[in-house]
């Protein structure tokens, strides 16, 4: 209507207005556009619409690797592993490692800062893997590798039991990773001195005695790399 009334004129102006609509609804590939200075027309690309309809509801993952190196199942599993990378970046930027602010200006120091954060996440990842029996995490990793990679991901029965009851098989509490770190923070090492009038007695070190849950956490950490 604006073109007919002369309020919208020229290929550039018409193209910008049409582009806003196409970009908003993501429909550009379905239309053939003909834009002129004082006219605009379009046709539906029926072939592309037909191909798109055939794939409606289907998510396609393609790989440049030959099938003998990575079959269809492995391709899907590898794609789903990207969630671990996303989780790592989220840990970097938000609650756990907080890579920012970077209080350095020299390039080598900035690189060192990022490298140390990466090492910290590497340590955190190994801790979370070792602590799976104490956390809400699914312990059945072998079953996870054998299940249908295309089917919706489902937790094992043991993992769902932990989520539902918030208890382990021994009746003790299930922790989140940060919750378990908080529980371990109660362990302290204190420098002590027996009081006397001159305050010259020797000092000695005392460490908090670990409770069963804390000891179990340390025992699991000892299995890393073993």
N, C-alpha and C. Protein backbone atom coordinates (compact mmCIF):
# COMPACT_ATOMS: atom_id res chain seq x y z
N UNK A 1 0.82 -1.20 0.00
CA UNK A 1 0.00 0.00 0.00
C UNK A 1 0.86 1.26 0.00
N UNK A 2 1.93 1.26 0.77
CA UNK A 2 2.81 2.43 0.81
C UNK A 2 3.47 2.66 -0.54
N UNK A 3 3.77 1.56 -1.27
CA UNK A 3 4.37 1.72 -2.60
C UNK A 3 3.34 2.32 -3.55
N UNK A 4 2.12 1.81 -3.49
CA UNK A 4 1.06 2.32 -4.37
C UNK A 4 0.79 3.80 -4.11
N UNK A 5 0.89 4.20 -2.86
CA UNK A 5 0.62 5.60 -2.52
C UNK A 5 1.83 6.50 -2.74
N UNK A 6 2.96 5.92 -3.11
CA UNK A 6 4.16 6.71 -3.34
C UNK A 6 4.91 7.07 -2.08
N UNK A 7 4.54 6.49 -0.93
CA UNK A 7 5.20 6.79 0.33
C UNK A 7 6.48 5.97 0.51
N UNK A 8 6.61 4.92 -0.28
CA UNK A 8 7.81 4.07 -0.23
C UNK A 8 8.31 3.92 -1.66
N UNK A 9 9.53 4.43 -1.92
CA UNK A 9 10.03 4.47 -3.30
C UNK A 9 11.51 4.11 -3.32
N UNK A 10 11.92 3.44 -4.39
CA UNK A 10 13.32 3.11 -4.59
C UNK A 10 13.65 1.71 -4.11
N UNK A 11 14.54 1.04 -4.85
CA UNK A 11 14.91 -0.33 -4.51
C UNK A 11 15.50 -0.43 -3.10
N UNK A 12 16.33 0.54 -2.74
CA UNK A 12 16.97 0.49 -1.43
C UNK A 12 15.95 0.55 -0.30
N UNK A 13 15.05 1.53 -0.38
CA UNK A 13 14.06 1.71 0.68
C UNK A 13 13.10 0.52 0.75
N UNK A 14 12.64 0.08 -0.41
CA UNK A 14 11.74 -1.07 -0.43
C UNK A 14 12.45 -2.32 0.08
N UNK A 15 13.71 -2.50 -0.35
CA UNK A 15 14.48 -3.66 0.09
C UNK A 15 14.68 -3.69 1.59
N UNK A 16 14.95 -2.53 2.19
CA UNK A 16 15.13 -2.47 3.64
C UNK A 16 13.85 -2.86 4.37
N UNK A 17 12.72 -2.37 3.88
CA UNK A 17 11.45 -2.67 4.53
C UNK A 17 11.10 -4.16 4.40
N UNK A 18 11.31 -4.71 3.21
CA UNK A 18 11.06 -6.13 3.00
C UNK A 18 12.01 -6.98 3.85
N UNK A 19 13.27 -6.54 3.92
CA UNK A 19 14.27 -7.28 4.70
C UNK A 19 13.90 -7.40 6.17
N UNK A 20 13.29 -6.36 6.73
CA UNK A 20 12.88 -6.40 8.13
C UNK A 20 11.87 -7.52 8.37
N UNK A 21 10.92 -7.64 7.45
CA UNK A 21 9.89 -8.68 7.58
C UNK A 21 10.50 -10.07 7.42
N UNK A 22 11.36 -10.21 6.41
CA UNK A 22 11.98 -11.51 6.15
C UNK A 22 12.84 -11.94 7.32
N UNK A 23 13.65 -11.03 7.85
CA UNK A 23 14.53 -11.37 8.96
C UNK A 23 13.74 -11.67 10.23
N UNK A 24 12.63 -11.00 10.41
CA UNK A 24 11.82 -11.21 11.61
C UNK A 24 11.23 -12.61 11.64
N UNK A 25 10.73 -13.07 10.51
CA UNK A 25 10.04 -14.36 10.46
C UNK A 25 10.89 -15.48 9.85
N UNK A 26 12.13 -15.17 9.45
CA UNK A 26 13.06 -16.18 8.91
C UNK A 26 12.44 -16.95 7.72
N UNK A 27 11.92 -16.22 6.76
CA UNK A 27 11.20 -16.86 5.65
C UNK A 27 11.82 -16.55 4.29
N UNK A 28 12.98 -15.91 4.27
CA UNK A 28 13.56 -15.46 3.01
C UNK A 28 13.80 -16.57 2.01
N UNK A 29 14.20 -17.76 2.49
CA UNK A 29 14.53 -18.84 1.56
C UNK A 29 13.29 -19.42 0.86
N UNK A 30 12.10 -19.06 1.32
CA UNK A 30 10.88 -19.61 0.72
C UNK A 30 10.28 -18.70 -0.36
N UNK A 31 10.92 -17.57 -0.63
CA UNK A 31 10.33 -16.61 -1.56
C UNK A 31 11.36 -16.16 -2.60
N UNK A 32 10.86 -15.87 -3.79
CA UNK A 32 11.63 -15.23 -4.85
C UNK A 32 11.14 -13.79 -4.95
N UNK A 33 12.02 -12.83 -4.71
CA UNK A 33 11.63 -11.42 -4.64
C UNK A 33 12.01 -10.68 -5.91
N UNK A 34 11.18 -9.75 -6.30
CA UNK A 34 11.45 -8.87 -7.44
C UNK A 34 11.20 -7.43 -6.97
N UNK A 35 12.28 -6.70 -6.70
CA UNK A 35 12.17 -5.35 -6.15
C UNK A 35 12.62 -4.34 -7.19
N UNK A 36 11.75 -3.38 -7.49
CA UNK A 36 12.07 -2.31 -8.42
C UNK A 36 11.89 -0.97 -7.71
N UNK A 37 12.16 0.11 -8.45
CA UNK A 37 12.05 1.44 -7.83
C UNK A 37 10.63 1.78 -7.40
N UNK A 38 9.66 1.34 -8.18
CA UNK A 38 8.28 1.70 -7.86
C UNK A 38 7.35 0.49 -7.83
N UNK A 39 7.94 -0.68 -7.62
CA UNK A 39 7.12 -1.89 -7.62
C UNK A 39 7.81 -2.98 -6.81
N UNK A 40 7.02 -3.87 -6.28
CA UNK A 40 7.56 -5.00 -5.52
C UNK A 40 6.62 -6.19 -5.70
N UNK A 41 7.19 -7.34 -6.03
CA UNK A 41 6.38 -8.56 -6.17
C UNK A 41 7.18 -9.75 -5.64
N UNK A 42 6.48 -10.82 -5.36
CA UNK A 42 7.16 -12.01 -4.84
C UNK A 42 6.41 -13.26 -5.30
N UNK A 43 7.14 -14.38 -5.31
CA UNK A 43 6.56 -15.68 -5.60
C UNK A 43 7.06 -16.69 -4.57
N UNK A 44 6.21 -17.60 -4.21
CA UNK A 44 6.61 -18.66 -3.28
C UNK A 44 7.45 -19.69 -4.02
N UNK A 45 8.60 -20.02 -3.47
CA UNK A 45 9.46 -21.05 -4.06
C UNK A 45 8.93 -22.41 -3.59
N UNK A 46 8.10 -23.00 -4.40
CA UNK A 46 7.40 -24.22 -3.99
C UNK A 46 8.34 -25.39 -3.77
N UNK A 47 9.43 -25.47 -4.55
CA UNK A 47 10.38 -26.57 -4.38
C UNK A 47 11.04 -26.51 -3.01
N UNK A 48 11.47 -25.32 -2.60
CA UNK A 48 12.11 -25.18 -1.29
C UNK A 48 11.12 -25.42 -0.16
N UNK A 49 9.88 -24.96 -0.34
CA UNK A 49 8.85 -25.20 0.67
C UNK A 49 8.59 -26.69 0.82
N UNK A 50 8.56 -27.41 -0.31
CA UNK A 50 8.32 -28.84 -0.27
C UNK A 50 9.45 -29.58 0.44
N UNK A 51 10.70 -29.20 0.14
CA UNK A 51 11.84 -29.82 0.80
C UNK A 51 11.84 -29.52 2.30
N UNK A 52 11.50 -28.29 2.65
CA UNK A 52 11.45 -27.91 4.06
C UNK A 52 10.36 -28.68 4.79
N UNK A 53 9.22 -28.87 4.14
CA UNK A 53 8.12 -29.60 4.76
C UNK A 53 8.49 -31.06 5.01
N UNK A 54 9.30 -31.63 4.10
CA UNK A 54 9.72 -33.02 4.27
C UNK A 54 10.62 -33.20 5.48
N UNK A 55 11.31 -32.13 5.88
CA UNK A 55 12.22 -32.19 7.02
C UNK A 55 11.61 -31.59 8.28
N UNK A 56 10.35 -31.22 8.22
CA UNK A 56 9.72 -30.57 9.36
C UNK A 56 9.73 -31.50 10.57
N UNK A 57 10.26 -31.01 11.69
CA UNK A 57 10.34 -31.81 12.91
C UNK A 57 11.56 -32.69 12.98
N UNK A 58 12.41 -32.64 11.97
CA UNK A 58 13.62 -33.47 11.94
C UNK A 58 14.85 -32.59 12.11
N UNK A 59 15.74 -32.98 12.99
CA UNK A 59 16.99 -32.25 13.20
C UNK A 59 18.11 -33.05 12.55
N UNK A 60 18.84 -32.42 11.65
CA UNK A 60 19.88 -33.12 10.89
C UNK A 60 21.26 -32.68 11.37
N UNK A 61 22.10 -33.66 11.66
CA UNK A 61 23.49 -33.41 12.05
C UNK A 61 24.39 -34.00 10.97
N UNK A 62 25.24 -33.17 10.39
CA UNK A 62 26.13 -33.61 9.33
C UNK A 62 27.58 -33.51 9.80
N UNK A 63 28.41 -34.41 9.29
CA UNK A 63 29.82 -34.41 9.63
C UNK A 63 30.65 -34.51 8.37
N UNK A 64 31.83 -33.90 8.39
CA UNK A 64 32.74 -33.99 7.25
C UNK A 64 33.58 -35.26 7.30
N UNK A 65 33.50 -36.03 8.39
CA UNK A 65 34.28 -37.25 8.52
C UNK A 65 33.61 -38.40 7.79
N UNK A 66 34.41 -39.31 7.20
CA UNK A 66 33.82 -40.47 6.53
C UNK A 66 33.18 -41.42 7.55
N UNK A 67 32.23 -42.23 7.09
CA UNK A 67 31.46 -43.09 7.99
C UNK A 67 32.34 -44.10 8.72
N UNK A 68 33.44 -44.55 8.07
CA UNK A 68 34.30 -45.53 8.75
C UNK A 68 35.02 -44.92 9.95
N UNK A 69 35.14 -43.60 9.99
CA UNK A 69 35.76 -42.94 11.14
C UNK A 69 34.73 -42.52 12.18
N UNK A 70 33.54 -42.17 11.74
CA UNK A 70 32.49 -41.75 12.67
C UNK A 70 31.14 -42.08 12.04
N UNK A 71 30.47 -43.10 12.60
CA UNK A 71 29.17 -43.46 12.06
C UNK A 71 28.09 -42.51 12.56
N UNK A 72 26.85 -42.79 12.19
CA UNK A 72 25.75 -41.88 12.52
C UNK A 72 25.57 -41.72 14.02
N UNK A 73 25.64 -42.84 14.77
CA UNK A 73 25.46 -42.76 16.22
C UNK A 73 26.55 -41.93 16.87
N UNK A 74 27.79 -42.16 16.45
CA UNK A 74 28.90 -41.40 17.02
C UNK A 74 28.80 -39.92 16.67
N UNK A 75 28.30 -39.62 15.49
CA UNK A 75 28.13 -38.21 15.10
C UNK A 75 27.15 -37.51 16.02
N UNK A 76 26.03 -38.17 16.31
CA UNK A 76 25.03 -37.57 17.20
C UNK A 76 25.58 -37.43 18.61
N UNK A 77 26.27 -38.46 19.10
CA UNK A 77 26.84 -38.38 20.45
C UNK A 77 27.87 -37.25 20.54
N UNK A 78 28.69 -37.11 19.51
CA UNK A 78 29.69 -36.04 19.52
C UNK A 78 29.02 -34.68 19.52
N UNK A 79 27.94 -34.55 18.77
CA UNK A 79 27.22 -33.27 18.76
C UNK A 79 26.65 -32.96 20.14
N UNK A 80 26.11 -33.96 20.80
CA UNK A 80 25.52 -33.74 22.12
C UNK A 80 26.58 -33.41 23.16
N UNK A 81 27.82 -33.80 22.90
CA UNK A 81 28.89 -33.46 23.84
C UNK A 81 29.18 -31.97 23.86
N UNK A 82 28.66 -31.23 22.87
CA UNK A 82 28.85 -29.78 22.87
C UNK A 82 28.24 -29.14 24.11
N UNK A 83 27.27 -29.82 24.72
CA UNK A 83 26.67 -29.29 25.94
C UNK A 83 27.70 -29.17 27.05
N UNK A 84 28.71 -30.06 27.04
CA UNK A 84 29.77 -29.95 28.04
C UNK A 84 30.60 -28.70 27.82
N UNK A 85 30.87 -28.37 26.55
CA UNK A 85 31.61 -27.14 26.26
C UNK A 85 30.80 -25.92 26.68
N UNK A 86 29.49 -25.95 26.43
CA UNK A 86 28.63 -24.84 26.84
C UNK A 86 28.63 -24.70 28.36
N UNK A 87 28.60 -25.83 29.05
CA UNK A 87 28.63 -25.81 30.52
C UNK A 87 29.95 -25.24 31.02
N UNK A 88 31.04 -25.56 30.33
CA UNK A 88 32.35 -25.03 30.73
C UNK A 88 32.40 -23.52 30.59
N UNK A 89 31.91 -23.00 29.46
CA UNK A 89 31.92 -21.55 29.27
C UNK A 89 31.01 -20.85 30.28
N UNK A 90 29.87 -21.48 30.60
CA UNK A 90 28.98 -20.90 31.60
C UNK A 90 29.67 -20.86 32.97
N UNK A 91 30.41 -21.92 33.28
CA UNK A 91 31.16 -21.96 34.54
C UNK A 91 32.24 -20.89 34.55
N UNK A 92 32.88 -20.68 33.39
CA UNK A 92 33.91 -19.65 33.26
C UNK A 92 33.36 -18.27 33.57
N UNK A 93 32.21 -17.97 33.00
CA UNK A 93 31.73 -16.60 32.99
C UNK A 93 30.82 -16.25 34.16
N UNK A 94 30.33 -17.26 34.89
CA UNK A 94 29.32 -16.95 35.90
C UNK A 94 29.72 -17.46 37.28
N UNK A 95 29.02 -18.48 37.76
CA UNK A 95 29.02 -18.77 39.19
C UNK A 95 30.32 -19.33 39.76
N UNK A 96 31.06 -20.12 38.99
CA UNK A 96 32.17 -20.86 39.59
C UNK A 96 33.52 -20.16 39.48
N UNK A 97 34.02 -20.02 38.25
CA UNK A 97 35.38 -19.52 38.07
C UNK A 97 35.45 -18.01 37.89
N UNK A 98 34.40 -17.43 37.29
CA UNK A 98 34.34 -15.98 37.11
C UNK A 98 35.64 -15.43 36.52
N UNK A 99 35.87 -15.75 35.26
CA UNK A 99 37.09 -15.33 34.58
C UNK A 99 37.24 -13.81 34.54
N UNK A 100 36.13 -13.09 34.59
CA UNK A 100 36.17 -11.63 34.62
C UNK A 100 35.99 -11.13 36.04
N UNK A 101 36.52 -9.95 36.34
CA UNK A 101 37.32 -9.07 35.47
C UNK A 101 38.75 -9.55 35.32
N UNK A 102 39.34 -9.26 34.18
CA UNK A 102 40.74 -9.58 33.92
C UNK A 102 41.55 -8.32 34.20
N UNK A 103 42.27 -8.33 35.27
CA UNK A 103 42.99 -7.12 35.68
C UNK A 103 44.43 -7.12 35.14
N UNK A 104 44.55 -7.40 33.85
CA UNK A 104 45.85 -7.40 33.18
C UNK A 104 45.72 -6.65 31.86
N UNK A 105 46.83 -6.12 31.41
CA UNK A 105 46.86 -5.42 30.13
C UNK A 105 47.80 -6.07 29.13
N UNK A 106 48.86 -6.68 29.60
CA UNK A 106 49.81 -7.32 28.69
C UNK A 106 49.24 -8.64 28.18
N UNK A 107 49.49 -8.91 26.90
CA UNK A 107 48.89 -10.08 26.26
C UNK A 107 49.28 -11.38 26.94
N UNK A 108 50.57 -11.53 27.28
CA UNK A 108 51.00 -12.79 27.88
C UNK A 108 50.36 -13.01 29.25
N UNK A 109 50.10 -11.93 29.98
CA UNK A 109 49.46 -12.08 31.29
C UNK A 109 47.98 -12.41 31.14
N UNK A 110 47.34 -11.84 30.14
CA UNK A 110 45.94 -12.19 29.88
C UNK A 110 45.83 -13.66 29.50
N UNK A 111 46.75 -14.11 28.64
CA UNK A 111 46.75 -15.52 28.25
C UNK A 111 47.00 -16.42 29.46
N UNK A 112 47.90 -16.01 30.33
CA UNK A 112 48.18 -16.79 31.53
C UNK A 112 46.95 -16.86 32.44
N UNK A 113 46.23 -15.74 32.54
CA UNK A 113 45.01 -15.70 33.35
C UNK A 113 43.97 -16.69 32.82
N UNK A 114 43.75 -16.67 31.50
CA UNK A 114 42.78 -17.58 30.89
C UNK A 114 43.24 -19.03 31.04
N UNK A 115 44.54 -19.26 30.89
CA UNK A 115 45.08 -20.61 31.01
C UNK A 115 44.86 -21.17 32.41
N UNK A 116 45.10 -20.34 33.42
CA UNK A 116 44.89 -20.78 34.80
C UNK A 116 43.41 -21.08 35.07
N UNK A 117 42.53 -20.28 34.48
CA UNK A 117 41.10 -20.54 34.63
C UNK A 117 40.73 -21.87 33.97
N UNK A 118 41.36 -22.15 32.83
CA UNK A 118 41.10 -23.42 32.15
C UNK A 118 41.59 -24.59 32.98
N UNK A 119 42.76 -24.45 33.59
CA UNK A 119 43.27 -25.49 34.47
C UNK A 119 42.35 -25.70 35.66
N UNK A 120 41.82 -24.59 36.19
CA UNK A 120 40.90 -24.68 37.33
C UNK A 120 39.64 -25.45 36.94
N UNK A 121 39.13 -25.19 35.74
CA UNK A 121 37.94 -25.93 35.30
C UNK A 121 38.28 -27.41 35.09
N UNK A 122 39.48 -27.68 34.61
CA UNK A 122 39.92 -29.07 34.41
C UNK A 122 39.91 -29.82 35.75
N UNK A 123 40.42 -29.17 36.78
CA UNK A 123 40.41 -29.76 38.12
C UNK A 123 38.97 -29.95 38.59
N UNK A 124 38.13 -28.93 38.38
CA UNK A 124 36.73 -29.01 38.80
C UNK A 124 36.01 -30.16 38.11
N UNK A 125 36.27 -30.34 36.81
CA UNK A 125 35.62 -31.41 36.07
C UNK A 125 35.98 -32.77 36.65
N UNK A 126 37.27 -32.97 36.95
CA UNK A 126 37.70 -34.24 37.53
C UNK A 126 37.09 -34.46 38.91
N UNK A 127 36.97 -33.40 39.69
CA UNK A 127 36.33 -33.52 41.00
C UNK A 127 34.86 -33.93 40.87
N UNK A 128 34.16 -33.31 39.93
CA UNK A 128 32.75 -33.64 39.73
C UNK A 128 32.58 -35.08 39.26
N UNK A 129 33.49 -35.54 38.40
CA UNK A 129 33.42 -36.93 37.94
C UNK A 129 33.69 -37.89 39.10
N UNK A 130 34.68 -37.58 39.92
CA UNK A 130 35.01 -38.45 41.05
C UNK A 130 33.89 -38.47 42.09
N UNK A 131 33.21 -37.38 42.24
CA UNK A 131 32.17 -37.25 43.27
C UNK A 131 30.78 -37.66 42.80
N UNK A 132 30.67 -38.25 41.62
CA UNK A 132 29.35 -38.65 41.13
C UNK A 132 28.55 -39.46 42.15
N UNK A 133 29.15 -40.39 42.89
CA UNK A 133 28.37 -41.15 43.87
C UNK A 133 27.76 -40.29 44.98
N UNK A 134 28.31 -39.10 45.22
CA UNK A 134 27.82 -38.24 46.30
C UNK A 134 26.90 -37.14 45.79
N UNK A 135 26.89 -36.93 44.48
CA UNK A 135 26.13 -35.82 43.89
C UNK A 135 24.86 -36.34 43.22
N UNK A 136 24.08 -35.40 42.69
CA UNK A 136 22.87 -35.76 41.95
C UNK A 136 23.18 -36.32 40.57
N UNK A 137 24.44 -36.37 40.21
CA UNK A 137 24.85 -36.81 38.88
C UNK A 137 24.52 -38.28 38.66
N UNK A 138 24.32 -38.64 37.40
CA UNK A 138 24.04 -40.02 37.02
C UNK A 138 25.34 -40.81 37.03
N UNK A 139 25.35 -41.94 37.73
CA UNK A 139 26.55 -42.76 37.83
C UNK A 139 26.65 -43.79 36.71
N UNK A 140 25.56 -44.05 36.03
CA UNK A 140 25.53 -45.09 35.00
C UNK A 140 26.05 -44.53 33.67
N UNK A 141 27.34 -44.28 33.60
CA UNK A 141 27.93 -43.72 32.39
C UNK A 141 28.05 -44.75 31.26
N UNK A 142 28.21 -46.03 31.61
CA UNK A 142 28.27 -47.06 30.58
C UNK A 142 26.92 -47.20 29.89
N UNK A 143 25.85 -47.17 30.67
CA UNK A 143 24.52 -47.25 30.09
C UNK A 143 24.22 -46.05 29.22
N UNK A 144 24.74 -44.90 29.60
CA UNK A 144 24.55 -43.69 28.82
C UNK A 144 25.19 -43.82 27.44
N UNK A 145 26.34 -44.49 27.39
CA UNK A 145 27.05 -44.64 26.11
C UNK A 145 26.37 -45.65 25.20
N UNK A 146 25.57 -46.56 25.77
CA UNK A 146 24.95 -47.62 24.98
C UNK A 146 23.54 -47.30 24.52
N UNK A 147 22.91 -46.32 25.13
CA UNK A 147 21.51 -46.04 24.79
C UNK A 147 21.40 -45.35 23.42
N UNK A 148 20.20 -45.32 22.91
CA UNK A 148 19.93 -44.71 21.60
C UNK A 148 20.31 -43.23 21.64
N UNK A 149 21.26 -42.80 20.80
CA UNK A 149 21.70 -41.40 20.87
C UNK A 149 20.66 -40.40 20.39
N UNK A 150 19.67 -40.88 19.61
CA UNK A 150 18.66 -39.98 19.07
C UNK A 150 17.49 -39.81 20.03
N UNK A 151 17.22 -40.83 20.82
CA UNK A 151 16.09 -40.78 21.76
C UNK A 151 16.33 -39.72 22.82
N UNK A 152 15.26 -39.16 23.37
CA UNK A 152 15.41 -38.16 24.44
C UNK A 152 16.22 -38.73 25.60
N UNK A 153 17.12 -37.92 26.12
CA UNK A 153 17.98 -38.36 27.22
C UNK A 153 17.15 -38.63 28.47
N UNK A 154 17.42 -39.75 29.11
CA UNK A 154 16.73 -40.10 30.35
C UNK A 154 17.75 -40.51 31.40
N UNK A 155 17.51 -40.08 32.62
CA UNK A 155 18.39 -40.48 33.71
C UNK A 155 18.10 -41.93 34.10
N UNK A 156 19.11 -42.55 34.69
CA UNK A 156 18.94 -43.91 35.17
C UNK A 156 18.02 -43.92 36.38
N UNK A 157 17.54 -45.11 36.74
CA UNK A 157 16.65 -45.24 37.90
C UNK A 157 17.35 -44.79 39.18
N UNK A 158 18.64 -45.12 39.30
CA UNK A 158 19.37 -44.74 40.51
C UNK A 158 19.51 -43.23 40.62
N UNK A 159 19.72 -42.56 39.49
CA UNK A 159 19.83 -41.10 39.52
C UNK A 159 18.49 -40.46 39.86
N UNK A 160 17.41 -40.98 39.30
CA UNK A 160 16.08 -40.45 39.61
C UNK A 160 15.73 -40.67 41.07
N UNK A 161 16.18 -41.78 41.64
CA UNK A 161 15.94 -42.05 43.05
C UNK A 161 16.63 -41.01 43.92
N UNK A 162 17.87 -40.65 43.55
CA UNK A 162 18.58 -39.62 44.31
C UNK A 162 17.86 -38.28 44.23
N UNK A 163 17.37 -37.94 43.05
CA UNK A 163 16.66 -36.68 42.88
C UNK A 163 15.37 -36.66 43.69
N UNK A 164 14.66 -37.78 43.68
CA UNK A 164 13.36 -37.84 44.36
C UNK A 164 13.49 -37.85 45.87
N UNK A 165 14.42 -38.66 46.39
CA UNK A 165 14.54 -38.82 47.85
C UNK A 165 15.54 -37.86 48.48
N UNK A 166 16.46 -37.32 47.63
CA UNK A 166 17.54 -36.46 48.13
C UNK A 166 18.41 -37.20 49.14
N UNK A 167 18.44 -38.53 49.00
CA UNK A 167 19.23 -39.37 49.89
C UNK A 167 19.99 -40.41 49.09
N UNK A 168 21.16 -40.81 49.62
CA UNK A 168 21.92 -41.90 49.04
C UNK A 168 21.42 -43.21 49.62
N UNK A 169 21.96 -44.33 49.13
CA UNK A 169 21.53 -45.64 49.61
C UNK A 169 21.81 -45.82 51.10
N UNK A 170 22.83 -45.15 51.61
CA UNK A 170 23.14 -45.27 53.04
C UNK A 170 22.31 -44.32 53.90
N UNK A 171 21.39 -43.59 53.27
CA UNK A 171 20.53 -42.68 54.01
C UNK A 171 21.08 -41.29 54.20
N UNK A 172 22.32 -41.07 53.77
CA UNK A 172 22.92 -39.75 53.94
C UNK A 172 22.44 -38.80 52.84
N UNK A 173 22.71 -37.55 53.03
CA UNK A 173 22.20 -36.50 52.15
C UNK A 173 22.95 -36.49 50.81
N UNK A 174 22.22 -36.17 49.73
CA UNK A 174 22.83 -35.95 48.42
C UNK A 174 23.18 -34.47 48.29
N UNK A 175 24.34 -34.19 47.73
CA UNK A 175 24.81 -32.81 47.60
C UNK A 175 24.84 -32.38 46.13
N UNK A 176 24.74 -31.09 45.92
CA UNK A 176 25.18 -30.49 44.67
C UNK A 176 26.69 -30.30 44.77
N UNK A 177 27.33 -29.98 43.66
CA UNK A 177 28.78 -29.79 43.71
C UNK A 177 29.16 -28.65 44.65
N UNK A 178 28.49 -27.53 44.51
CA UNK A 178 28.79 -26.39 45.38
C UNK A 178 28.40 -26.69 46.82
N UNK A 179 27.34 -27.46 47.01
CA UNK A 179 26.94 -27.83 48.37
C UNK A 179 27.98 -28.70 49.05
N UNK A 180 28.56 -29.63 48.28
CA UNK A 180 29.60 -30.49 48.85
C UNK A 180 30.85 -29.70 49.18
N UNK A 181 31.21 -28.75 48.32
CA UNK A 181 32.35 -27.89 48.63
C UNK A 181 32.10 -27.12 49.92
N UNK A 182 30.87 -26.64 50.09
CA UNK A 182 30.54 -25.94 51.32
C UNK A 182 30.64 -26.84 52.53
N UNK A 183 30.23 -28.10 52.38
CA UNK A 183 30.33 -29.06 53.49
C UNK A 183 31.79 -29.32 53.85
N UNK A 184 32.65 -29.39 52.84
CA UNK A 184 34.07 -29.62 53.09
C UNK A 184 34.77 -28.39 53.67
N UNK A 185 34.18 -27.23 53.46
CA UNK A 185 34.81 -26.00 53.97
C UNK A 185 34.81 -25.94 55.49
N UNK A 186 34.04 -26.84 56.11
CA UNK A 186 34.04 -26.88 57.58
C UNK A 186 35.32 -27.50 58.13
N UNK A 187 36.11 -28.13 57.26
CA UNK A 187 37.40 -28.69 57.69
C UNK A 187 38.42 -27.55 57.75
N UNK A 188 39.01 -27.35 58.89
CA UNK A 188 39.98 -26.27 59.07
C UNK A 188 41.25 -26.80 59.70
N UNK A 189 42.33 -26.11 59.45
CA UNK A 189 43.61 -26.40 60.09
C UNK A 189 44.00 -25.18 60.90
N UNK A 190 44.08 -25.36 62.20
CA UNK A 190 44.30 -24.23 63.11
C UNK A 190 45.65 -24.35 63.81
N UNK A 191 46.30 -23.21 63.99
CA UNK A 191 47.52 -23.14 64.79
C UNK A 191 47.12 -22.82 66.23
N UNK A 192 47.48 -23.70 67.14
CA UNK A 192 47.03 -23.58 68.53
C UNK A 192 48.22 -23.35 69.46
N UNK A 193 47.93 -22.76 70.59
CA UNK A 193 48.93 -22.52 71.62
C UNK A 193 48.25 -22.66 72.99
N UNK A 194 48.90 -23.36 73.88
CA UNK A 194 48.37 -23.48 75.24
C UNK A 194 48.60 -22.17 75.99
N UNK A 195 47.57 -21.61 76.57
CA UNK A 195 47.74 -20.32 77.25
C UNK A 195 48.61 -20.44 78.50
N UNK A 196 49.49 -19.49 78.67
CA UNK A 196 50.25 -19.38 79.92
C UNK A 196 50.47 -17.90 80.20
N UNK A 197 51.06 -17.61 81.33
CA UNK A 197 51.22 -16.22 81.74
C UNK A 197 52.13 -15.44 80.80
N UNK A 198 53.17 -16.08 80.31
CA UNK A 198 54.14 -15.39 79.47
C UNK A 198 53.83 -15.54 77.98
N UNK A 199 52.89 -16.39 77.68
CA UNK A 199 52.50 -16.61 76.28
C UNK A 199 53.71 -17.02 75.43
N UNK A 200 54.50 -17.93 75.99
CA UNK A 200 55.71 -18.38 75.28
C UNK A 200 55.66 -19.88 74.96
N UNK A 201 54.54 -20.51 75.19
CA UNK A 201 54.45 -21.95 74.93
C UNK A 201 54.51 -22.23 73.43
N UNK A 202 54.94 -23.42 73.11
CA UNK A 202 55.07 -23.80 71.70
C UNK A 202 53.70 -23.94 71.04
N UNK A 203 53.67 -23.71 69.75
CA UNK A 203 52.43 -23.85 68.99
C UNK A 203 52.36 -25.25 68.36
N UNK A 204 51.17 -25.66 68.05
CA UNK A 204 50.97 -26.95 67.38
C UNK A 204 49.77 -26.82 66.44
N UNK A 205 49.74 -27.70 65.45
CA UNK A 205 48.71 -27.66 64.41
C UNK A 205 47.64 -28.71 64.71
N UNK A 206 46.39 -28.31 64.58
CA UNK A 206 45.27 -29.25 64.71
C UNK A 206 44.35 -29.10 63.49
N UNK A 207 43.98 -30.22 62.92
CA UNK A 207 43.06 -30.23 61.78
C UNK A 207 41.74 -30.86 62.20
N UNK A 208 40.66 -30.27 61.73
CA UNK A 208 39.34 -30.79 62.06
C UNK A 208 39.21 -32.26 61.65
N UNK A 209 38.65 -33.05 62.53
CA UNK A 209 38.43 -34.46 62.20
C UNK A 209 37.29 -34.56 61.18
N UNK A 210 37.51 -35.29 60.12
CA UNK A 210 36.52 -35.40 59.06
C UNK A 210 35.38 -36.32 59.47
N UNK A 211 34.17 -35.92 59.11
CA UNK A 211 33.04 -36.81 59.33
C UNK A 211 32.99 -37.84 58.19
N UNK A 212 32.16 -38.87 58.28
CA UNK A 212 32.17 -39.93 57.25
C UNK A 212 31.96 -39.41 55.83
N UNK A 213 31.07 -38.44 55.65
CA UNK A 213 30.82 -37.91 54.31
C UNK A 213 32.05 -37.17 53.77
N UNK A 214 32.69 -36.39 54.62
CA UNK A 214 33.89 -35.67 54.20
C UNK A 214 35.01 -36.64 53.86
N UNK A 215 35.16 -37.68 54.67
CA UNK A 215 36.20 -38.67 54.41
C UNK A 215 35.94 -39.39 53.10
N UNK A 216 34.67 -39.71 52.83
CA UNK A 216 34.31 -40.36 51.58
C UNK A 216 34.66 -39.47 50.39
N UNK A 217 34.42 -38.18 50.51
CA UNK A 217 34.74 -37.24 49.44
C UNK A 217 36.24 -37.23 49.17
N UNK A 218 37.05 -37.22 50.21
CA UNK A 218 38.51 -37.23 50.03
C UNK A 218 38.97 -38.57 49.45
N UNK A 219 38.36 -39.66 49.86
CA UNK A 219 38.73 -40.96 49.31
C UNK A 219 38.44 -41.03 47.81
N UNK A 220 37.32 -40.45 47.40
CA UNK A 220 36.99 -40.44 45.98
C UNK A 220 37.96 -39.57 45.18
N UNK A 221 38.42 -38.47 45.78
CA UNK A 221 39.41 -37.64 45.09
C UNK A 221 40.71 -38.39 44.88
N UNK A 222 41.03 -39.30 45.79
CA UNK A 222 42.26 -40.08 45.65
C UNK A 222 42.22 -41.02 44.45
N UNK A 223 41.01 -41.28 43.93
CA UNK A 223 40.90 -42.19 42.78
C UNK A 223 41.17 -41.49 41.45
N UNK A 224 41.27 -40.17 41.45
CA UNK A 224 41.52 -39.44 40.21
C UNK A 224 42.89 -39.81 39.66
N UNK A 225 42.91 -40.23 38.41
CA UNK A 225 44.16 -40.61 37.78
C UNK A 225 44.62 -42.00 38.14
N UNK A 226 43.84 -42.68 38.97
CA UNK A 226 44.23 -44.02 39.39
C UNK A 226 43.75 -45.10 38.43
